[in-house]
């Protein structure tokens, strides 16, 4: 059902101060026990305030057990998941190819006045924001 879809996956954290882990990539296969992704990973701590504190893994094939996946989003089929990361003035991190869905939000940044208070992992990017 998900084969060849481009997805972002947020992993379950074992404890509150654990680093956040996100994978973004293409689904190669799935079973009852795992999701096989050709992907890259993004790791960041709770107190990240700038892009230099974000680590990202190399593109590789990863088997992700379903019980370790907290949230998954299907992206547009033409999303270039291997593109560089971009940070906007609000602290939202997305793919530099103009993906319409932010991958994550850096902590320590306040949203603009009047902005919707949603989970930044799933909110839509405002139009006109570069």
Protein backbone atom coordinates (compact mmCIF):
# COMPACT_ATOMS: atom_id res chain seq x y z
CA UNK A 1 0.00 0.00 0.00
CA UNK A 2 2.84 2.44 0.78
CA UNK A 3 5.38 1.06 -1.70
CA UNK A 4 7.15 3.84 -3.66
CA UNK A 5 5.51 6.59 -1.57
CA UNK A 6 7.68 9.39 -0.16
CA UNK A 7 7.19 9.62 3.60
CA UNK A 8 8.46 11.29 6.74
CA UNK A 9 8.60 9.14 9.86
CA UNK A 10 9.04 10.35 13.42
CA UNK A 11 10.41 7.70 15.78
CA UNK A 12 9.14 6.94 19.28
CA UNK A 13 11.32 8.51 21.99
CA UNK A 14 12.23 6.25 24.92
CA UNK A 15 12.44 9.16 27.36
CA UNK A 16 11.67 12.91 27.33
CA UNK A 17 15.26 14.14 26.93
CA UNK A 18 16.10 11.69 24.11
CA UNK A 19 17.10 13.14 20.75
CA UNK A 20 14.38 13.39 18.14
CA UNK A 21 14.81 11.14 15.12
CA UNK A 22 13.05 11.64 11.80
CA UNK A 23 13.51 9.69 8.57
CA UNK A 24 12.48 11.01 5.18
CA UNK A 25 12.58 8.89 2.05
CA UNK A 26 10.96 6.38 -0.29
CA UNK A 27 9.19 3.22 0.88
CA UNK A 28 10.86 0.19 -0.71
CA UNK A 29 8.77 -2.48 1.02
CA UNK A 30 6.52 -3.06 4.01
CA UNK A 31 5.46 -6.06 6.07
CA UNK A 32 3.45 -6.67 9.22
CA UNK A 33 6.61 -6.03 11.25
CA UNK A 34 8.63 -3.32 9.49
CA UNK A 35 8.76 -0.56 6.91
CA UNK A 36 11.77 -0.67 4.59
CA UNK A 37 12.88 2.84 3.55
CA UNK A 38 15.55 4.22 1.28
CA UNK A 39 15.98 7.34 3.36
CA UNK A 40 18.07 9.80 5.27
CA UNK A 41 17.69 10.52 8.95
CA UNK A 42 17.61 13.77 10.88
CA UNK A 43 18.62 13.89 14.58
CA UNK A 44 18.32 16.86 16.92
CA UNK A 45 18.17 17.51 20.64
CA UNK A 46 15.49 19.30 22.62
CA UNK A 47 17.41 22.57 22.91
CA UNK A 48 18.35 22.96 19.26
CA UNK A 49 18.28 26.64 18.29
CA UNK A 50 20.01 26.61 14.92
CA UNK A 51 20.63 24.32 11.97
CA UNK A 52 24.24 23.62 12.97
CA UNK A 53 22.95 21.51 15.90
CA UNK A 54 21.03 19.20 13.57
CA UNK A 55 22.73 16.02 12.42
CA UNK A 56 21.62 14.09 9.39
CA UNK A 57 22.56 10.61 8.35
CA UNK A 58 23.66 9.45 4.93
CA UNK A 59 21.18 8.11 2.43
CA UNK A 60 20.79 4.36 3.03
CA UNK A 61 18.35 1.47 3.24
CA UNK A 62 16.78 1.19 6.71
CA UNK A 63 14.28 -1.29 8.17
CA UNK A 64 12.04 0.50 10.67
CA UNK A 65 9.94 -1.66 13.02
CA UNK A 66 6.32 -0.46 13.09
CA UNK A 67 6.29 -0.34 16.91
CA UNK A 68 9.09 2.30 16.81
CA UNK A 69 7.17 4.63 14.46
CA UNK A 70 5.18 7.35 16.24
CA UNK A 71 3.94 9.41 13.28
CA UNK A 72 4.20 9.04 9.51
CA UNK A 73 3.18 11.45 6.74
CA UNK A 74 2.95 10.72 3.04
CA UNK A 75 4.50 13.53 0.97
CA UNK A 76 3.93 14.46 -2.67
CA UNK A 77 5.27 11.90 -5.14
CA UNK A 78 7.66 14.46 -6.66
CA UNK A 79 9.27 15.42 -3.31
CA UNK A 80 13.06 15.39 -3.56
CA UNK A 81 13.71 13.88 -0.14
CA UNK A 82 17.49 13.91 -0.68
CA UNK A 83 17.62 17.71 -1.08
CA UNK A 84 19.33 19.96 1.47
CA UNK A 85 17.53 21.22 4.56
CA UNK A 86 16.27 24.81 4.66
CA UNK A 87 15.38 26.87 7.76
CA UNK A 88 12.89 29.75 7.57
CA UNK A 89 12.68 32.76 9.91
CA UNK A 90 10.08 31.00 12.09
CA UNK A 91 12.46 28.11 12.79
CA UNK A 92 10.67 25.59 10.58
CA UNK A 93 12.93 23.13 8.80
CA UNK A 94 11.89 21.77 5.43
CA UNK A 95 13.50 20.39 2.32
CA UNK A 96 15.18 23.09 0.23
CA UNK A 97 13.21 22.01 -2.85
CA UNK A 98 10.17 23.90 -1.55
CA UNK A 99 8.31 21.01 0.07
CA UNK A 100 5.01 22.32 1.41
CA UNK A 101 5.27 20.40 4.70
CA UNK A 102 7.87 21.36 7.30
CA UNK A 103 9.79 18.38 8.63
CA UNK A 104 10.29 19.86 12.10
CA UNK A 105 10.51 23.08 14.11
CA UNK A 106 13.54 24.22 16.05
CA UNK A 107 12.83 24.75 19.73
CA UNK A 108 13.36 28.16 21.29
CA UNK A 109 11.60 30.05 18.51
CA UNK A 110 8.20 31.59 19.07
CA UNK A 111 5.63 31.35 16.27
CA UNK A 112 4.50 34.66 14.73
CA UNK A 113 1.58 36.38 16.45
CA UNK A 114 -1.70 34.84 15.29
CA UNK A 115 -0.08 31.66 13.95
CA UNK A 116 -1.98 28.43 14.47
CA UNK A 117 -0.76 26.47 17.49
CA UNK A 118 -0.46 23.06 15.83
CA UNK A 119 2.13 20.33 15.99
CA UNK A 120 4.84 21.84 13.72
CA UNK A 121 5.54 18.38 12.32
CA UNK A 122 2.14 18.31 10.65
CA UNK A 123 1.22 21.95 9.96
CA UNK A 124 1.17 23.41 6.48
CA UNK A 125 3.78 25.98 5.47
CA UNK A 126 2.44 29.49 4.94
CA UNK A 127 2.37 30.65 1.34
CA UNK A 128 5.05 33.11 0.35
CA UNK A 129 7.48 32.04 3.09
CA UNK A 130 10.89 31.23 1.62
